[in-house]
Amino acid sequence: MSTDPLCLVFVPALVAVLTAAEAKKGTPLTEAEVCEIRDAATCIALPFSTALAMETERGYPDIVAEDCWSEWQRLRASVA
């Protein structure tokens, strides 16, 4: 049995999904929209080491789901 804990990973990355949604909308997303998108997004359970390798390959960390609104506010200026 593996000691590598599972973690949830958004596929595609939540930051990419939010960026696309905001571009499609043409105006900043509201907190309710961000949370709704997060709640409807696809995520998978992966061993932590695999998730870390995916993040490294992607080149940027994803938004933490539990704090998605404040993280999106912090990141949206840099991805826009």
C-alpha atoms as a PDB file:
ATOM      1  CA  MET A   1       0.000   0.000   0.000  1.00  0.00           C
ATOM      2  CA  SER A   2       1.287   3.456  -0.943  1.00  0.00           C
ATOM      3  CA  THR A   3       1.969   6.152   1.637  1.00  0.00           C
ATOM      4  CA  ASP A   4       1.541   8.848  -1.024  1.00  0.00           C
ATOM      5  CA  PRO A   5      -1.692  10.638   0.008  1.00  0.00           C
ATOM      6  CA  LEU A   6      -4.370  11.472  -2.527  1.00  0.00           C
ATOM      7  CA  CYS A   7      -5.232  15.050  -3.379  1.00  0.00           C
ATOM      8  CA  LEU A   8      -7.851  16.609  -5.638  1.00  0.00           C
ATOM      9  CA  VAL A   9      -6.626  18.195  -8.857  1.00  0.00           C
ATOM     10  CA  PHE A  10      -8.735  20.281 -11.236  1.00  0.00           C
ATOM     11  CA  VAL A  11      -8.474  19.167 -14.861  1.00  0.00           C
ATOM     12  CA  PRO A  12      -8.028  21.532 -16.580  1.00  0.00           C
ATOM     13  CA  ALA A  13      -6.488  23.769 -13.928  1.00  0.00           C
ATOM     14  CA  LEU A  14      -9.090  25.952 -12.200  1.00  0.00           C
ATOM     15  CA  VAL A  15      -7.112  29.103 -12.993  1.00  0.00           C
ATOM     16  CA  ALA A  16      -7.365  28.234 -16.718  1.00  0.00           C
ATOM     17  CA  VAL A  17     -11.106  27.587 -16.467  1.00  0.00           C
ATOM     18  CA  LEU A  18     -11.699  30.885 -14.653  1.00  0.00           C
ATOM     19  CA  THR A  19      -9.520  32.782 -17.132  1.00  0.00           C
ATOM     20  CA  ALA A  20     -11.510  31.379 -20.060  1.00  0.00           C
ATOM     21  CA  ALA A  21     -14.841  32.120 -18.357  1.00  0.00           C
ATOM     22  CA  GLU A  22     -13.869  35.709 -17.657  1.00  0.00           C
ATOM     23  CA  ALA A  23     -12.631  36.208 -21.231  1.00  0.00           C
ATOM     24  CA  LYS A  24     -15.907  34.804 -22.574  1.00  0.00           C
ATOM     25  CA  LYS A  25     -17.967  37.020 -20.262  1.00  0.00           C
ATOM     26  CA  GLY A  26     -15.923  40.112 -21.100  1.00  0.00           C
ATOM     27  CA  THR A  27     -16.134  41.511 -17.562  1.00  0.00           C
ATOM     28  CA  PRO A  28     -14.734  40.389 -14.204  1.00  0.00           C
ATOM     29  CA  LEU A  29     -16.359  37.347 -12.658  1.00  0.00           C
ATOM     30  CA  THR A  30     -18.312  37.827  -9.443  1.00  0.00           C
ATOM     31  CA  GLU A  31     -17.590  35.836  -6.308  1.00  0.00           C
ATOM     32  CA  ALA A  32     -20.760  33.805  -6.901  1.00  0.00           C
ATOM     33  CA  GLU A  33     -19.668  33.014 -10.479  1.00  0.00           C
ATOM     34  CA  VAL A  34     -16.188  31.954  -9.372  1.00  0.00           C
ATOM     35  CA  CYS A  35     -17.632  29.629  -6.721  1.00  0.00           C
ATOM     36  CA  GLU A  36     -20.200  28.228  -9.159  1.00  0.00           C
ATOM     37  CA  ILE A  37     -17.489  27.504 -11.735  1.00  0.00           C
ATOM     38  CA  ARG A  38     -15.327  25.862  -9.057  1.00  0.00           C
ATOM     39  CA  ASP A  39     -18.221  23.710  -7.876  1.00  0.00           C
ATOM     40  CA  ALA A  40     -18.989  22.534 -11.420  1.00  0.00           C
ATOM     41  CA  ALA A  41     -15.364  21.992 -12.490  1.00  0.00           C
ATOM     42  CA  THR A  42     -13.931  18.543 -13.069  1.00  0.00           C
ATOM     43  CA  CYS A  43     -11.402  17.309 -10.568  1.00  0.00           C
ATOM     44  CA  ILE A  44      -9.689  13.991 -10.067  1.00  0.00           C
ATOM     45  CA  ALA A  45      -7.972  12.327  -7.123  1.00  0.00           C
ATOM     46  CA  LEU A  46      -4.276  11.723  -7.709  1.00  0.00           C
ATOM     47  CA  PRO A  47      -1.352  10.718  -5.538  1.00  0.00           C
ATOM     48  CA  PHE A  48       0.322  13.870  -4.207  1.00  0.00           C
ATOM     49  CA  SER A  49       3.574  13.104  -6.042  1.00  0.00           C
ATOM     50  CA  THR A  50       1.725  12.844  -9.377  1.00  0.00           C
ATOM     51  CA  ALA A  51      -0.172  16.086  -8.732  1.00  0.00           C
ATOM     52  CA  LEU A  52       3.077  17.858  -7.881  1.00  0.00           C
ATOM     53  CA  ALA A  53       4.703  16.544 -11.080  1.00  0.00           C
ATOM     54  CA  MET A  54       1.718  17.801 -13.123  1.00  0.00           C
ATOM     55  CA  GLU A  55       1.980  21.235 -11.518  1.00  0.00           C
ATOM     56  CA  THR A  56       5.701  21.386 -12.216  1.00  0.00           C
ATOM     57  CA  GLU A  57       5.146  20.416 -15.854  1.00  0.00           C
ATOM     58  CA  ARG A  58       2.326  22.977 -16.198  1.00  0.00           C
ATOM     59  CA  GLY A  59       4.654  25.683 -14.881  1.00  0.00           C
ATOM     60  CA  TYR A  60       2.320  27.349 -12.379  1.00  0.00           C
ATOM     61  CA  PRO A  61       0.322  26.384  -9.288  1.00  0.00           C
ATOM     62  CA  ASP A  62      -3.453  26.142  -9.445  1.00  0.00           C
ATOM     63  CA  ILE A  63      -5.912  28.001  -7.251  1.00  0.00           C
ATOM     64  CA  VAL A  64      -6.702  26.401  -3.898  1.00  0.00           C
ATOM     65  CA  ALA A  65     -10.391  25.490  -4.104  1.00  0.00           C
ATOM     66  CA  GLU A  66     -11.198  26.393  -0.493  1.00  0.00           C
ATOM     67  CA  ASP A  67      -9.963  29.955  -1.029  1.00  0.00           C
ATOM     68  CA  CYS A  68     -10.771  30.334  -4.711  1.00  0.00           C
ATOM     69  CA  TRP A  69     -12.253  33.841  -4.579  1.00  0.00           C
ATOM     70  CA  SER A  70      -9.338  35.566  -2.869  1.00  0.00           C
ATOM     71  CA  GLU A  71      -6.789  33.546  -4.861  1.00  0.00           C
ATOM     72  CA  TRP A  72      -8.568  34.425  -8.114  1.00  0.00           C
ATOM     73  CA  GLN A  73      -8.490  38.110  -7.164  1.00  0.00           C
ATOM     74  CA  ARG A  74      -4.770  37.850  -6.536  1.00  0.00           C
ATOM     75  CA  LEU A  75      -3.986  35.901  -9.719  1.00  0.00           C
ATOM     76  CA  ARG A  76      -6.398  37.334 -12.292  1.00  0.00           C
ATOM     77  CA  ALA A  77      -4.326  40.428 -12.963  1.00  0.00           C
ATOM     78  CA  SER A  78      -1.275  38.327 -13.765  1.00  0.00           C
ATOM     79  CA  VAL A  79      -3.093  35.913 -16.116  1.00  0.00           C
ATOM     80  CA  ALA A  80      -5.217  38.502 -17.931  1.00  0.00           C
END
